[in-house]
Protein backbone atom coordinates (compact mmCIF):
# COMPACT_ATOMS: atom_id res chain seq x y z
CA UNK A 1 70.86 76.24 229.68
CA UNK A 2 71.19 77.69 226.11
CA UNK A 3 70.65 75.08 222.97
CA UNK A 4 72.31 75.40 219.69
CA UNK A 5 70.43 75.15 216.46
CA UNK A 6 72.24 75.21 212.97
CA UNK A 7 71.62 77.53 210.72
CA UNK A 8 70.83 76.37 207.11
CA UNK A 9 70.01 78.13 203.87
CA UNK A 10 66.17 77.28 203.03
CA UNK A 11 67.51 75.85 199.33
CA UNK A 12 69.33 72.92 201.06
CA UNK A 13 65.91 71.31 200.72
CA UNK A 14 64.66 72.14 197.06
CA UNK A 15 65.28 69.64 194.51
CA UNK A 16 67.92 69.77 192.21
CA UNK A 17 67.58 70.36 188.95
CA UNK A 18 68.75 66.43 186.76
CA UNK A 19 71.45 67.49 184.27
CA UNK A 20 70.11 66.74 180.77
CA UNK A 21 72.80 64.49 178.96
CA UNK A 22 73.54 65.73 175.80
CA UNK A 23 73.58 62.32 174.01
CA UNK A 24 69.42 62.39 175.39
CA UNK A 25 69.16 65.57 173.27
CA UNK A 26 70.63 64.00 170.34
CA UNK A 27 68.54 60.76 170.66
CA UNK A 28 65.21 62.45 171.45
CA UNK A 29 66.28 64.76 168.53
CA UNK A 30 65.43 68.06 170.54
CA UNK A 31 66.25 71.30 168.86
CA UNK A 32 69.57 70.99 171.00
CA UNK A 33 69.99 67.70 170.10
CA UNK A 34 68.94 69.05 166.12
CA UNK A 35 71.57 71.82 166.62
CA UNK A 36 74.31 69.39 167.94
CA UNK A 37 74.28 67.73 164.81
CA UNK A 38 73.61 69.99 162.55
CA UNK A 39 77.23 71.52 164.04
CA UNK A 40 78.94 68.47 163.33
CA UNK A 41 77.47 67.65 159.91
CA UNK A 42 77.86 71.10 158.61
CA UNK A 43 81.93 70.72 159.85
CA UNK A 44 82.21 67.43 158.07
CA UNK A 45 80.58 69.11 155.29
CA UNK A 46 82.79 71.53 155.10
CA UNK A 47 85.70 69.37 155.21
CA UNK A 48 84.47 67.31 152.39
CA UNK A 49 84.51 70.50 150.40
CA UNK A 50 87.83 71.35 151.12
CA UNK A 51 89.00 68.05 150.11
CA UNK A 52 87.63 67.69 146.70
CA UNK A 53 88.45 71.18 145.89
CA UNK A 54 92.17 70.44 146.30
CA UNK A 55 91.49 67.35 144.48
CA UNK A 56 89.94 68.80 141.77
CA UNK A 57 92.36 71.92 141.43
CA UNK A 58 95.32 69.12 141.11
CA UNK A 59 93.71 67.03 138.80
CA UNK A 60 92.81 69.83 137.21
CA UNK A 61 95.34 71.75 137.22
CA UNK A 62 97.67 69.33 135.26
CA UNK A 63 95.89 69.43 131.43
CA UNK A 64 95.98 73.47 132.07
CA UNK A 65 100.39 72.66 133.11
CA UNK A 66 100.04 70.63 129.96
CA UNK A 67 98.97 72.91 128.08
CA UNK A 68 100.47 76.05 129.15
CA UNK A 69 104.31 74.52 129.15
CA UNK A 70 104.58 72.61 125.73
CA UNK A 71 107.93 71.20 127.30
CA UNK A 72 106.43 69.00 129.37
CA UNK A 73 104.46 67.34 127.03
CA UNK A 74 107.35 66.71 125.03
CA UNK A 75 108.94 65.04 128.16
CA UNK A 76 109.50 61.45 129.04
CA UNK A 77 109.67 59.06 131.96
CA UNK A 78 111.19 55.60 130.98
CA UNK A 79 110.05 55.83 127.58
CA UNK A 80 106.56 56.88 128.79
CA UNK A 81 105.14 60.54 127.39
CA UNK A 82 105.28 62.80 130.99
CA UNK A 83 101.43 63.35 130.75
CA UNK A 84 100.62 59.67 130.56
CA UNK A 85 103.09 58.89 133.59
CA UNK A 86 101.60 61.26 135.58
CA UNK A 87 97.70 60.53 134.61
CA UNK A 88 97.99 57.01 135.30
CA UNK A 89 100.88 56.81 138.24
CA UNK A 90 100.92 59.78 139.68
CA UNK A 91 97.29 60.76 140.25
CA UNK A 92 95.75 57.54 142.46
CA UNK A 93 98.99 58.80 145.40
CA UNK A 94 97.26 61.92 145.31
CA UNK A 95 93.57 60.59 145.42
CA UNK A 96 95.08 58.28 148.37
CA UNK A 97 96.99 61.08 149.79
CA UNK A 98 93.46 63.23 149.88
CA UNK A 99 91.11 60.29 151.23
CA UNK A 100 93.68 59.66 154.25
CA UNK A 101 93.60 63.34 155.05
CA UNK A 102 89.69 63.56 154.85
CA UNK A 103 89.62 60.20 156.77
CA UNK A 104 92.11 61.79 159.49
CA UNK A 105 90.43 65.25 159.52
CA UNK A 106 86.47 63.38 159.98
CA UNK A 107 87.99 61.48 163.06
CA UNK A 108 89.40 64.71 164.59
CA UNK A 109 85.53 65.99 163.94
CA UNK A 110 84.14 63.42 165.30
CA UNK A 111 86.70 63.22 168.28
CA UNK A 112 86.10 66.72 169.00
CA UNK A 113 81.88 66.82 168.73
CA UNK A 114 81.88 63.85 171.34
CA UNK A 115 84.08 65.79 173.68
CA UNK A 116 81.54 68.34 173.74
CA UNK A 117 78.81 66.53 173.95
CA UNK A 118 80.10 65.03 177.05
CA UNK A 119 81.08 68.07 178.55
CA UNK A 120 77.89 69.04 178.65
């Protein structure tokens, strides 16, 4: 009588490599965890530089515009000189818009980072 024997790979008994989550890499401050954090910080820093550069160009460009276009200096809005109206009222919405853009993009960067860490 012939007996059947199941043949399996010799590697089935080998220990499986345990998955080391990326969050643990970050918590334990390993080299890989430091690389992840450095990547996130670099991305956030680039975003901050972009938003600040745009705001500095807008705010710094206003005096230049008023200097190069003398008709703008002479214009009035509701009895208020245009340069004063722009600097007193219209600059603040630009700052709020820049802050809103920064927060929205920073949260997006953090979501991408969290997805990257969870996928690993």
